[in-house]
């Protein structure tokens, strides 16, 4: 009888310590590194995502050798609509926690960002330390499609250059705080895409 009284509580405790019921492995995630937001001619939101391809991180010396990221684009009335459309295109669950930069096309910036920022603030997965930029006379998507010789992700390369060049280092958190204060106009750095530079070495004579 005593053994039975001891066994039943131990069995109940073992059920509570069985582990995580909704655990997700790291290989189940698609890591979102950069975002580009643009306004279409029809007045819809075009959301573009720079997604990491881990298999290509090794470069030519590793197992990969291809481009280390892909750019997905979806169009809709809200960010939530576009996010769901992009999720339907991927075999992994989107993870926004590693996002480093948001690029906003000039057309969308001139149209107004109040609604966009409101949707950002309502997403619990939004990383508030994400840097935010406005493109000069271009679409934000063009920034994600650039190839940087220093980093496989143009979003991370832009953040690094911004900090070294002292353009302002404005994070999403700073912009949201300034937007909610009376008498303060929030600002963000504007970047432009420079002409391509020929990086090939000239043959020695």
N, C-alpha and C. Protein backbone atom coordinates (compact mmCIF):
# COMPACT_ATOMS: atom_id res chain seq x y z
N UNK A 1 0.82 -1.21 0.00
CA UNK A 1 0.00 0.00 0.00
C UNK A 1 0.86 1.26 0.00
N UNK A 2 1.93 1.22 0.78
CA UNK A 2 2.82 2.38 0.83
C UNK A 2 3.50 2.59 -0.53
N UNK A 3 3.85 1.50 -1.19
CA UNK A 3 4.50 1.61 -2.50
C UNK A 3 3.56 2.27 -3.51
N UNK A 4 2.28 1.92 -3.41
CA UNK A 4 1.30 2.50 -4.34
C UNK A 4 1.15 4.01 -4.11
N UNK A 5 1.12 4.41 -2.83
CA UNK A 5 1.01 5.84 -2.51
C UNK A 5 2.23 6.61 -2.99
N UNK A 6 3.38 5.99 -2.98
CA UNK A 6 4.60 6.65 -3.44
C UNK A 6 4.69 6.68 -4.96
N UNK A 7 4.20 5.64 -5.61
CA UNK A 7 4.30 5.51 -7.06
C UNK A 7 3.41 6.50 -7.78
N UNK A 8 2.19 6.69 -7.31
CA UNK A 8 1.23 7.57 -8.00
C UNK A 8 1.68 9.03 -8.06
N UNK A 9 2.17 9.61 -6.96
CA UNK A 9 2.69 11.00 -7.07
C UNK A 9 3.89 11.10 -7.99
N UNK A 10 4.76 10.09 -7.96
CA UNK A 10 5.93 10.11 -8.83
C UNK A 10 5.53 10.06 -10.29
N UNK A 11 4.49 9.26 -10.60
CA UNK A 11 3.99 9.18 -11.98
C UNK A 11 3.40 10.50 -12.44
N UNK A 12 2.68 11.17 -11.55
CA UNK A 12 2.08 12.46 -11.90
C UNK A 12 3.15 13.51 -12.17
N UNK A 13 4.21 13.53 -11.35
CA UNK A 13 5.30 14.49 -11.56
C UNK A 13 6.04 14.21 -12.86
N UNK A 14 6.21 12.95 -13.22
CA UNK A 14 6.92 12.61 -14.46
C UNK A 14 6.16 13.11 -15.68
N UNK A 15 4.84 13.12 -15.62
CA UNK A 15 4.04 13.64 -16.74
C UNK A 15 4.23 15.14 -16.91
N UNK A 16 4.40 15.85 -15.79
CA UNK A 16 4.61 17.30 -15.87
C UNK A 16 5.99 17.65 -16.40
N UNK A 17 6.96 16.75 -16.23
CA UNK A 17 8.33 17.00 -16.66
C UNK A 17 8.65 16.33 -17.98
N UNK A 18 7.64 16.07 -18.79
CA UNK A 18 7.84 15.32 -20.03
C UNK A 18 8.55 16.13 -21.10
N UNK A 19 8.59 17.48 -20.97
CA UNK A 19 9.28 18.30 -21.96
C UNK A 19 8.33 19.26 -22.64
N UNK A 20 8.82 19.91 -23.72
CA UNK A 20 8.02 20.91 -24.44
C UNK A 20 7.09 20.21 -25.42
N UNK A 21 5.84 20.65 -25.42
CA UNK A 21 4.86 20.05 -26.31
C UNK A 21 4.90 20.71 -27.69
N UNK A 22 5.30 21.99 -27.77
CA UNK A 22 5.27 22.71 -29.05
C UNK A 22 6.67 23.14 -29.48
N UNK A 23 7.66 22.30 -29.22
CA UNK A 23 9.04 22.65 -29.54
C UNK A 23 9.24 22.70 -31.06
N UNK A 24 9.99 23.73 -31.53
CA UNK A 24 10.35 23.85 -32.94
C UNK A 24 11.86 23.80 -33.08
N UNK A 25 12.35 22.92 -33.94
CA UNK A 25 13.78 22.83 -34.18
C UNK A 25 14.24 24.02 -35.00
N UNK A 26 15.53 24.35 -34.90
CA UNK A 26 16.07 25.51 -35.63
C UNK A 26 15.96 25.30 -37.13
N UNK A 27 15.99 24.05 -37.58
CA UNK A 27 15.87 23.76 -39.01
C UNK A 27 14.45 23.97 -39.53
N UNK A 28 13.52 24.23 -38.63
CA UNK A 28 12.14 24.47 -39.03
C UNK A 28 11.86 25.94 -39.32
N UNK A 29 12.85 26.82 -39.09
CA UNK A 29 12.64 28.26 -39.24
C UNK A 29 13.28 28.80 -40.51
N UNK A 30 12.63 29.83 -41.08
CA UNK A 30 13.20 30.63 -42.16
C UNK A 30 13.53 31.99 -41.56
N UNK A 31 14.82 32.32 -41.50
CA UNK A 31 15.27 33.54 -40.80
C UNK A 31 15.17 34.75 -41.73
N UNK A 32 14.38 35.72 -41.30
CA UNK A 32 14.10 36.94 -42.05
C UNK A 32 15.14 37.97 -41.64
N UNK A 33 16.01 38.39 -42.58
CA UNK A 33 17.13 39.28 -42.28
C UNK A 33 16.81 40.74 -42.60
N UNK A 34 16.12 40.99 -43.69
CA UNK A 34 15.83 42.37 -44.08
C UNK A 34 14.44 42.50 -44.68
N UNK A 35 13.86 43.69 -44.53
CA UNK A 35 12.51 43.98 -45.05
C UNK A 35 12.57 45.19 -45.97
N UNK A 36 11.78 45.15 -47.03
CA UNK A 36 11.62 46.31 -47.91
C UNK A 36 10.12 46.55 -48.10
N UNK A 37 9.71 47.79 -47.90
CA UNK A 37 8.30 48.16 -48.04
C UNK A 37 8.15 49.21 -49.13
N UNK A 38 7.22 48.94 -50.05
CA UNK A 38 7.00 49.87 -51.16
C UNK A 38 5.50 50.04 -51.38
N UNK A 39 5.16 51.10 -52.09
CA UNK A 39 3.77 51.39 -52.44
C UNK A 39 3.59 51.18 -53.93
N UNK A 40 2.66 50.30 -54.30
CA UNK A 40 2.41 50.03 -55.71
C UNK A 40 1.58 51.16 -56.32
N UNK A 41 1.47 51.14 -57.64
CA UNK A 41 0.68 52.15 -58.33
C UNK A 41 -0.80 52.03 -57.99
N UNK A 42 -1.22 50.83 -57.55
CA UNK A 42 -2.61 50.60 -57.18
C UNK A 42 -2.89 50.97 -55.72
N UNK A 43 -1.87 51.47 -55.02
CA UNK A 43 -2.06 51.87 -53.63
C UNK A 43 -1.95 50.73 -52.63
N UNK A 44 -1.40 49.59 -53.06
CA UNK A 44 -1.22 48.45 -52.17
C UNK A 44 0.18 48.43 -51.58
N UNK A 45 0.35 47.67 -50.50
CA UNK A 45 1.64 47.53 -49.86
C UNK A 45 2.40 46.36 -50.49
N UNK A 46 3.61 46.62 -50.92
CA UNK A 46 4.49 45.56 -51.43
C UNK A 46 5.55 45.27 -50.37
N UNK A 47 5.49 44.08 -49.82
CA UNK A 47 6.39 43.68 -48.75
C UNK A 47 7.41 42.68 -49.30
N UNK A 48 8.69 42.99 -49.17
CA UNK A 48 9.75 42.11 -49.64
C UNK A 48 10.61 41.66 -48.47
N UNK A 49 11.02 40.41 -48.49
CA UNK A 49 11.80 39.84 -47.39
C UNK A 49 13.09 39.23 -47.91
N UNK A 50 14.18 39.50 -47.21
CA UNK A 50 15.47 38.86 -47.49
C UNK A 50 15.62 37.69 -46.52
N UNK A 51 15.53 36.47 -47.06
CA UNK A 51 15.53 35.25 -46.26
C UNK A 51 16.87 34.55 -46.38
N UNK A 52 17.41 34.13 -45.24
CA UNK A 52 18.72 33.45 -45.23
C UNK A 52 18.60 32.03 -45.77
N UNK A 53 19.65 31.61 -46.50
CA UNK A 53 19.77 30.22 -46.97
C UNK A 53 20.99 29.63 -46.28
N UNK A 54 20.81 28.97 -45.15
CA UNK A 54 21.96 28.48 -44.35
C UNK A 54 22.89 27.55 -45.12
N UNK A 55 22.37 26.78 -46.05
CA UNK A 55 23.20 25.82 -46.78
C UNK A 55 24.26 26.50 -47.62
N UNK A 56 24.08 27.80 -47.91
CA UNK A 56 25.02 28.51 -48.78
C UNK A 56 26.02 29.34 -47.99
N UNK A 57 25.99 29.30 -46.66
CA UNK A 57 26.90 30.12 -45.87
C UNK A 57 28.35 29.76 -46.07
N UNK A 58 28.63 28.52 -46.47
CA UNK A 58 30.01 28.08 -46.60
C UNK A 58 30.76 28.73 -47.75
N UNK A 59 30.00 29.31 -48.70
CA UNK A 59 30.67 29.92 -49.84
C UNK A 59 31.32 28.87 -50.72
N UNK A 60 32.27 29.29 -51.52
CA UNK A 60 32.93 28.38 -52.46
C UNK A 60 33.76 27.33 -51.75
N UNK A 61 34.25 27.65 -50.56
CA UNK A 61 35.07 26.70 -49.84
C UNK A 61 34.23 25.69 -49.05
N UNK A 62 32.94 26.01 -48.84
CA UNK A 62 32.09 25.12 -48.08
C UNK A 62 31.23 24.28 -48.99
N UNK A 63 30.11 23.85 -48.48
CA UNK A 63 29.22 22.99 -49.24
C UNK A 63 28.39 23.79 -50.23
N UNK A 64 28.27 25.09 -49.98
CA UNK A 64 27.41 25.91 -50.83
C UNK A 64 28.12 26.41 -52.06
N UNK A 65 28.14 27.71 -52.21
CA UNK A 65 28.74 28.31 -53.39
C UNK A 65 27.77 29.23 -54.11
N UNK A 66 26.46 29.15 -53.76
CA UNK A 66 25.47 30.02 -54.35
C UNK A 66 25.21 31.24 -53.50
N UNK A 67 24.13 31.94 -53.82
CA UNK A 67 23.77 33.13 -53.06
C UNK A 67 23.21 32.72 -51.71
N UNK A 68 23.60 33.43 -50.65
CA UNK A 68 23.24 33.04 -49.29
C UNK A 68 21.87 33.53 -48.87
N UNK A 69 21.12 34.17 -49.77
CA UNK A 69 19.79 34.63 -49.41
C UNK A 69 18.89 34.66 -50.64
N UNK A 70 17.61 34.69 -50.40
CA UNK A 70 16.63 34.86 -51.46
C UNK A 70 15.69 35.98 -51.07
N UNK A 71 15.08 36.63 -52.05
CA UNK A 71 14.17 37.74 -51.80
C UNK A 71 12.77 37.34 -52.25
N UNK A 72 11.84 37.33 -51.30
CA UNK A 72 10.44 37.03 -51.58
C UNK A 72 9.63 38.32 -51.53
N UNK A 73 8.63 38.42 -52.38
CA UNK A 73 7.79 39.62 -52.44
C UNK A 73 6.32 39.23 -52.46
N UNK A 74 5.52 39.98 -51.73
CA UNK A 74 4.07 39.77 -51.72
C UNK A 74 3.39 41.13 -51.64
N UNK A 75 2.20 41.22 -52.21
CA UNK A 75 1.45 42.47 -52.25
C UNK A 75 0.09 42.28 -51.60
N UNK A 76 -0.34 43.26 -50.83
CA UNK A 76 -1.64 43.18 -50.17
C UNK A 76 -2.05 44.51 -49.57
N UNK A 77 -3.22 44.52 -48.92
CA UNK A 77 -3.72 45.74 -48.31
C UNK A 77 -3.05 46.03 -46.97
N UNK A 78 -2.59 44.97 -46.28
CA UNK A 78 -1.94 45.14 -44.98
C UNK A 78 -0.68 44.30 -44.92
N UNK A 79 0.17 44.58 -43.93
CA UNK A 79 1.37 43.78 -43.75
C UNK A 79 1.04 42.34 -43.39
N UNK A 80 -0.04 42.16 -42.63
CA UNK A 80 -0.44 40.81 -42.23
C UNK A 80 -0.81 39.97 -43.44
N UNK A 81 -1.49 40.58 -44.41
CA UNK A 81 -1.84 39.86 -45.64
C UNK A 81 -0.60 39.41 -46.39
N UNK A 82 0.36 40.32 -46.51
CA UNK A 82 1.58 39.98 -47.26
C UNK A 82 2.42 38.95 -46.52
N UNK A 83 2.42 39.02 -45.19
CA UNK A 83 3.19 38.06 -44.40
C UNK A 83 2.64 36.65 -44.59
N UNK A 84 1.33 36.52 -44.59
CA UNK A 84 0.72 35.20 -44.77
C UNK A 84 0.99 34.67 -46.17
N UNK A 85 0.98 35.56 -47.17
CA UNK A 85 1.27 35.13 -48.55
C UNK A 85 2.69 34.60 -48.67
N UNK A 86 3.65 35.27 -48.03
CA UNK A 86 5.03 34.81 -48.08
C UNK A 86 5.23 33.51 -47.31
N UNK A 87 4.50 33.37 -46.20
CA UNK A 87 4.59 32.13 -45.43
C UNK A 87 4.12 30.94 -46.27
N UNK A 88 3.11 31.17 -47.10
CA UNK A 88 2.60 30.10 -47.96
C UNK A 88 3.61 29.66 -49.01
N UNK A 89 4.61 30.52 -49.29
CA UNK A 89 5.62 30.20 -50.29
C UNK A 89 6.82 29.45 -49.71
N UNK A 90 6.89 29.34 -48.39
CA UNK A 90 8.07 28.78 -47.73
C UNK A 90 7.73 27.46 -47.04
N UNK A 91 8.68 26.50 -47.05
CA UNK A 91 8.48 25.24 -46.35
C UNK A 91 8.85 25.31 -44.87
N UNK A 92 9.28 26.49 -44.41
CA UNK A 92 9.66 26.68 -43.02
C UNK A 92 8.89 27.84 -42.41
N UNK A 93 8.82 27.87 -41.09
CA UNK A 93 8.11 28.93 -40.39
C UNK A 93 8.96 30.20 -40.36
N UNK A 94 8.37 31.31 -40.76
CA UNK A 94 9.07 32.58 -40.78
C UNK A 94 9.40 33.03 -39.37
N UNK A 95 10.66 33.47 -39.18
CA UNK A 95 11.09 34.01 -37.88
C UNK A 95 11.67 35.40 -38.11
N UNK A 96 11.03 36.44 -37.53
CA UNK A 96 11.42 37.83 -37.76
C UNK A 96 12.38 38.35 -36.70
N UNK A 97 12.67 37.56 -35.68
CA UNK A 97 13.48 38.04 -34.57
C UNK A 97 14.89 38.44 -34.93
N UNK A 98 15.42 37.96 -36.07
CA UNK A 98 16.78 38.31 -36.48
C UNK A 98 16.81 39.42 -37.53
N UNK A 99 15.69 40.05 -37.80
CA UNK A 99 15.67 41.11 -38.82
C UNK A 99 16.55 42.27 -38.40
N UNK A 100 17.39 42.75 -39.32
CA UNK A 100 18.35 43.80 -39.01
C UNK A 100 17.99 45.15 -39.60
N UNK A 101 17.25 45.18 -40.71
CA UNK A 101 17.00 46.47 -41.36
C UNK A 101 15.66 46.45 -42.09
N UNK A 102 15.06 47.66 -42.18
CA UNK A 102 13.84 47.88 -42.95
C UNK A 102 14.11 49.02 -43.92
N UNK A 103 13.89 48.76 -45.21
CA UNK A 103 14.10 49.77 -46.26
C UNK A 103 12.73 50.19 -46.79
N UNK A 104 12.47 51.50 -46.77
CA UNK A 104 11.19 52.03 -47.21
C UNK A 104 11.39 52.82 -48.50
N UNK A 105 10.64 52.46 -49.52
CA UNK A 105 10.72 53.18 -50.78
C UNK A 105 10.24 54.61 -50.64
N UNK A 106 10.82 55.50 -51.44
CA UNK A 106 10.49 56.93 -51.29
C UNK A 106 9.02 57.20 -51.55
N UNK A 107 8.42 56.49 -52.51
CA UNK A 107 7.00 56.72 -52.80
C UNK A 107 6.13 56.43 -51.58
N UNK A 108 6.42 55.34 -50.87
CA UNK A 108 5.66 55.00 -49.67
C UNK A 108 5.93 56.01 -48.55
N UNK A 109 7.18 56.44 -48.42
CA UNK A 109 7.52 57.40 -47.37
C UNK A 109 6.77 58.72 -47.57
N UNK A 110 6.66 59.18 -48.81
CA UNK A 110 5.94 60.42 -49.08
C UNK A 110 4.43 60.24 -48.89
N UNK A 111 3.95 59.04 -49.08
CA UNK A 111 2.52 58.77 -48.92
C UNK A 111 2.11 58.81 -47.45
N UNK A 112 3.05 58.43 -46.56
CA UNK A 112 2.76 58.43 -45.12
C UNK A 112 3.03 57.06 -44.51
N UNK A 113 3.56 57.07 -43.28
CA UNK A 113 3.97 55.83 -42.63
C UNK A 113 3.20 55.53 -41.36
N UNK A 114 2.20 56.32 -41.03
CA UNK A 114 1.49 56.13 -39.76
C UNK A 114 0.87 54.74 -39.67
N UNK A 115 0.19 54.32 -40.72
CA UNK A 115 -0.47 53.01 -40.71
C UNK A 115 0.54 51.88 -40.67
N UNK A 116 1.64 52.03 -41.41
CA UNK A 116 2.69 51.01 -41.44
C UNK A 116 3.31 50.85 -40.06
N UNK A 117 3.63 51.95 -39.41
CA UNK A 117 4.25 51.89 -38.09
C UNK A 117 3.29 51.31 -37.05
N UNK A 118 2.01 51.58 -37.22
CA UNK A 118 1.03 51.02 -36.30
C UNK A 118 0.99 49.50 -36.41
N UNK A 119 1.08 48.99 -37.64
CA UNK A 119 1.09 47.55 -37.84
C UNK A 119 2.39 46.92 -37.31
N UNK A 120 3.50 47.62 -37.45
CA UNK A 120 4.76 47.14 -36.90
C UNK A 120 4.66 46.99 -35.37
N UNK A 121 4.13 48.01 -34.73
CA UNK A 121 4.08 48.03 -33.27
C UNK A 121 3.15 46.97 -32.71
N UNK A 122 2.18 46.51 -33.48
CA UNK A 122 1.23 45.51 -33.01
C UNK A 122 1.73 44.08 -33.18
N UNK A 123 2.83 43.91 -33.90
CA UNK A 123 3.39 42.57 -34.10
C UNK A 123 4.34 42.24 -32.95
N UNK A 124 4.03 41.24 -32.12
CA UNK A 124 4.89 40.94 -30.97
C UNK A 124 6.26 40.40 -31.35
N UNK A 125 6.42 39.95 -32.59
CA UNK A 125 7.71 39.42 -33.04
C UNK A 125 8.65 40.50 -33.58
N UNK A 126 8.17 41.74 -33.66
CA UNK A 126 8.98 42.83 -34.20
C UNK A 126 10.17 43.13 -33.30
N UNK A 127 11.34 43.20 -33.90
CA UNK A 127 12.57 43.54 -33.17
C UNK A 127 12.73 45.05 -33.21
N UNK A 128 12.60 45.71 -32.06
CA UNK A 128 12.59 47.17 -32.02
C UNK A 128 13.96 47.78 -32.28
N UNK A 129 15.03 46.99 -32.22
CA UNK A 129 16.36 47.51 -32.53
C UNK A 129 16.67 47.43 -34.03
N UNK A 130 15.68 47.06 -34.81
CA UNK A 130 15.86 47.01 -36.26
C UNK A 130 16.11 48.41 -36.80
N UNK A 131 17.16 48.58 -37.62
CA UNK A 131 17.44 49.88 -38.22
C UNK A 131 16.47 50.14 -39.37
N UNK A 132 16.14 51.40 -39.58
CA UNK A 132 15.15 51.76 -40.58
C UNK A 132 15.71 52.84 -41.50
N UNK A 133 15.49 52.69 -42.81
CA UNK A 133 16.04 53.61 -43.81
C UNK A 133 14.96 53.98 -44.84
N UNK A 134 15.17 55.13 -45.48
CA UNK A 134 14.36 55.54 -46.63
C UNK A 134 15.26 55.53 -47.86
N UNK A 135 14.76 54.96 -48.94
CA UNK A 135 15.52 54.93 -50.19
C UNK A 135 15.36 56.25 -50.93
N UNK A 136 16.43 56.74 -51.51
CA UNK A 136 16.42 57.99 -52.27
C UNK A 136 16.01 57.72 -53.71
N UNK A 137 14.75 58.08 -54.04
CA UNK A 137 14.24 57.97 -55.41
C UNK A 137 14.28 56.53 -55.94
N UNK A 138 14.14 55.57 -55.06
CA UNK A 138 14.14 54.16 -55.46
C UNK A 138 13.16 53.38 -54.60
N UNK A 139 12.93 52.13 -55.01
CA UNK A 139 12.12 51.23 -54.21
C UNK A 139 12.99 50.54 -53.18
N UNK A 140 12.39 50.20 -52.05
CA UNK A 140 13.13 49.52 -51.00
C UNK A 140 13.61 48.15 -51.43
N UNK A 141 12.87 47.48 -52.29
CA UNK A 141 13.23 46.14 -52.74
C UNK A 141 14.60 46.10 -53.40
N UNK A 142 14.98 47.21 -54.04
CA UNK A 142 16.27 47.25 -54.73
C UNK A 142 17.43 47.08 -53.75
N UNK A 143 17.25 47.54 -52.51
CA UNK A 143 18.32 47.40 -51.51
C UNK A 143 18.53 45.94 -51.14
N UNK A 144 17.47 45.16 -51.11
CA UNK A 144 17.59 43.74 -50.75
C UNK A 144 18.24 42.92 -51.86
N UNK A 145 18.12 43.38 -53.08
CA UNK A 145 18.65 42.63 -54.22
C UNK A 145 20.11 42.92 -54.51
N UNK A 146 20.72 43.83 -53.74
CA UNK A 146 22.13 44.15 -53.94
C UNK A 146 23.02 43.03 -53.44
N UNK A 147 24.18 42.88 -54.06
CA UNK A 147 25.20 41.93 -53.61
C UNK A 147 26.37 42.71 -53.03
N UNK A 148 26.63 42.50 -51.75
CA UNK A 148 27.74 43.18 -51.08
C UNK A 148 28.97 42.28 -51.05
N UNK A 149 30.16 42.82 -51.38
CA UNK A 149 31.37 42.00 -51.31
C UNK A 149 31.82 41.73 -49.87
N UNK A 150 31.23 42.43 -48.90
CA UNK A 150 31.67 42.31 -47.51
C UNK A 150 30.73 41.48 -46.64
N UNK A 151 29.50 41.28 -47.10
CA UNK A 151 28.53 40.55 -46.30
C UNK A 151 27.52 39.89 -47.24
N UNK A 152 27.14 38.65 -46.97
CA UNK A 152 26.16 37.98 -47.85
C UNK A 152 24.77 38.58 -47.78
N UNK A 153 24.53 39.47 -46.79
CA UNK A 153 23.22 40.09 -46.64
C UNK A 153 23.36 41.61 -46.78
N UNK A 154 22.71 42.17 -47.78
CA UNK A 154 22.79 43.62 -47.98
C UNK A 154 22.15 44.37 -46.81
N UNK A 155 21.18 43.76 -46.12
CA UNK A 155 20.56 44.41 -44.97
C UNK A 155 21.56 44.63 -43.85
N UNK A 156 22.40 43.63 -43.58
CA UNK A 156 23.41 43.76 -42.53
C UNK A 156 24.51 44.72 -42.98
N UNK A 157 24.86 44.68 -44.25
CA UNK A 157 25.89 45.59 -44.77
C UNK A 157 25.45 47.04 -44.63
N UNK A 158 24.17 47.32 -44.87
CA UNK A 158 23.66 48.69 -44.74
C UNK A 158 23.71 49.17 -43.30
N UNK A 159 23.39 48.29 -42.35
CA UNK A 159 23.44 48.65 -40.94
C UNK A 159 24.86 48.97 -40.51
N UNK A 160 25.82 48.16 -40.96
CA UNK A 160 27.22 48.40 -40.61
C UNK A 160 27.72 49.72 -41.19
N UNK A 161 27.39 49.99 -42.45
CA UNK A 161 27.83 51.23 -43.09
C UNK A 161 27.19 52.45 -42.41
N UNK A 162 25.94 52.30 -42.00
CA UNK A 162 25.26 53.41 -41.33
C UNK A 162 25.97 53.78 -40.03
N UNK A 163 26.42 52.80 -39.28
CA UNK A 163 27.07 53.07 -38.00
C UNK A 163 28.47 53.67 -38.19
N UNK A 164 29.17 53.24 -39.22
CA UNK A 164 30.50 53.78 -39.46
C UNK A 164 30.44 55.17 -40.06
N UNK A 165 29.41 55.45 -40.88
CA UNK A 165 29.29 56.75 -41.54
C UNK A 165 28.52 57.77 -40.70
N UNK A 166 27.95 57.32 -39.57
CA UNK A 166 27.22 58.21 -38.68
C UNK A 166 26.05 58.89 -39.39
N UNK A 167 25.24 58.11 -40.12
CA UNK A 167 24.10 58.69 -40.82
C UNK A 167 22.93 58.98 -39.88
N UNK A 168 22.99 58.46 -38.69
CA UNK A 168 21.91 58.71 -37.75
C UNK A 168 21.61 57.54 -36.85
N UNK A 169 21.84 56.33 -37.33
CA UNK A 169 21.62 55.12 -36.52
C UNK A 169 20.24 55.15 -35.88
N UNK A 170 19.20 55.31 -36.70
CA UNK A 170 17.83 55.38 -36.20
C UNK A 170 17.22 53.98 -36.22
N UNK A 171 16.81 53.50 -35.05
CA UNK A 171 16.17 52.21 -34.95
C UNK A 171 14.66 52.39 -34.97
N UNK A 172 13.96 51.30 -35.20
CA UNK A 172 12.50 51.35 -35.23
C UNK A 172 11.94 51.86 -33.91
N UNK A 173 12.56 51.48 -32.81
CA UNK A 173 12.12 51.94 -31.49
C UNK A 173 12.20 53.46 -31.38
N UNK A 174 13.32 54.05 -31.83
CA UNK A 174 13.50 55.50 -31.75
C UNK A 174 12.45 56.23 -32.58
N UNK A 175 12.16 55.69 -33.78
CA UNK A 175 11.18 56.33 -34.66
C UNK A 175 9.79 56.29 -34.04
N UNK A 176 9.43 55.15 -33.45
CA UNK A 176 8.10 55.03 -32.84
C UNK A 176 7.96 55.95 -31.63
N UNK A 177 9.02 56.09 -30.84
CA UNK A 177 8.97 56.97 -29.67
C UNK A 177 8.82 58.43 -30.09
N UNK A 178 9.59 58.85 -31.09
CA UNK A 178 9.51 60.24 -31.55
C UNK A 178 8.15 60.53 -32.19
N UNK A 179 7.59 59.52 -32.89
CA UNK A 179 6.30 59.73 -33.55
C UNK A 179 5.18 59.93 -32.53
N UNK A 180 5.35 59.39 -31.32
CA UNK A 180 4.31 59.52 -30.31
C UNK A 180 4.46 60.74 -29.41
N UNK A 181 5.47 61.57 -29.66
CA UNK A 181 5.70 62.75 -28.84
C UNK A 181 5.20 64.00 -29.55
N UNK A 182 4.58 64.88 -28.79
CA UNK A 182 4.07 66.13 -29.36
C UNK A 182 5.22 67.08 -29.65
N UNK A 183 5.16 67.72 -30.80
CA UNK A 183 6.15 68.73 -31.16
C UNK A 183 7.45 68.16 -31.71
N UNK A 184 7.53 66.85 -31.91
CA UNK A 184 8.76 66.24 -32.44
C UNK A 184 8.45 65.54 -33.76
N UNK A 185 9.23 65.83 -34.76
CA UNK A 185 9.08 65.17 -36.05
C UNK A 185 10.13 64.07 -36.18
N UNK A 186 9.70 62.83 -36.26
CA UNK A 186 10.67 61.73 -36.36
C UNK A 186 11.42 61.77 -37.69
N UNK A 187 12.68 61.41 -37.64
CA UNK A 187 13.52 61.39 -38.84
C UNK A 187 14.17 60.02 -38.98
N UNK A 188 14.62 59.74 -40.17
CA UNK A 188 15.36 58.51 -40.42
C UNK A 188 16.36 58.76 -41.55
N UNK A 189 17.46 58.04 -41.57
CA UNK A 189 18.47 58.27 -42.61
C UNK A 189 17.97 57.86 -43.99
N UNK A 190 18.39 58.62 -44.99
CA UNK A 190 18.07 58.29 -46.39
C UNK A 190 19.34 57.78 -47.06
N UNK A 191 19.22 56.69 -47.76
CA UNK A 191 20.37 56.11 -48.45
C UNK A 191 20.07 56.02 -49.94
N UNK A 192 21.12 55.97 -50.72
CA UNK A 192 20.98 55.80 -52.17
C UNK A 192 21.94 54.73 -52.64
N UNK A 193 21.61 54.13 -53.76
CA UNK A 193 22.42 53.06 -54.32
C UNK A 193 23.44 53.68 -55.27
N UNK A 194 24.71 53.50 -54.97
CA UNK A 194 25.78 54.06 -55.79
C UNK A 194 25.95 53.22 -57.05
N UNK A 195 26.52 53.83 -58.10
CA UNK A 195 26.81 53.05 -59.31
C UNK A 195 27.75 51.89 -59.01
N UNK A 196 27.61 50.83 -59.79
CA UNK A 196 28.44 49.66 -59.57
C UNK A 196 29.90 49.98 -59.84
N UNK A 197 30.77 49.44 -58.98
CA UNK A 197 32.21 49.66 -59.10
C UNK A 197 32.86 48.39 -59.63
N UNK A 198 33.73 48.53 -60.58
CA UNK A 198 34.42 47.38 -61.13
C UNK A 198 35.47 46.90 -60.13
N UNK A 199 35.24 45.72 -59.54
CA UNK A 199 36.12 45.19 -58.51
C UNK A 199 37.19 44.25 -59.09
N UNK A 200 37.19 44.06 -60.41
CA UNK A 200 38.14 43.13 -61.01
C UNK A 200 39.54 43.75 -61.04
N UNK A 201 40.54 42.93 -60.80
CA UNK A 201 41.92 43.39 -60.85
C UNK A 201 42.42 43.44 -62.27
N UNK A 202 43.17 44.47 -62.54
CA UNK A 202 43.77 44.59 -63.87
C UNK A 202 44.95 43.63 -63.96
N UNK A 203 45.12 42.95 -65.10
CA UNK A 203 46.26 42.03 -65.25
C UNK A 203 47.59 42.76 -65.14
N UNK A 204 48.50 42.19 -64.38
CA UNK A 204 49.81 42.81 -64.19
C UNK A 204 50.64 42.65 -65.46
N UNK A 205 51.40 43.68 -65.77
CA UNK A 205 52.21 43.64 -66.98
C UNK A 205 53.54 42.91 -66.74
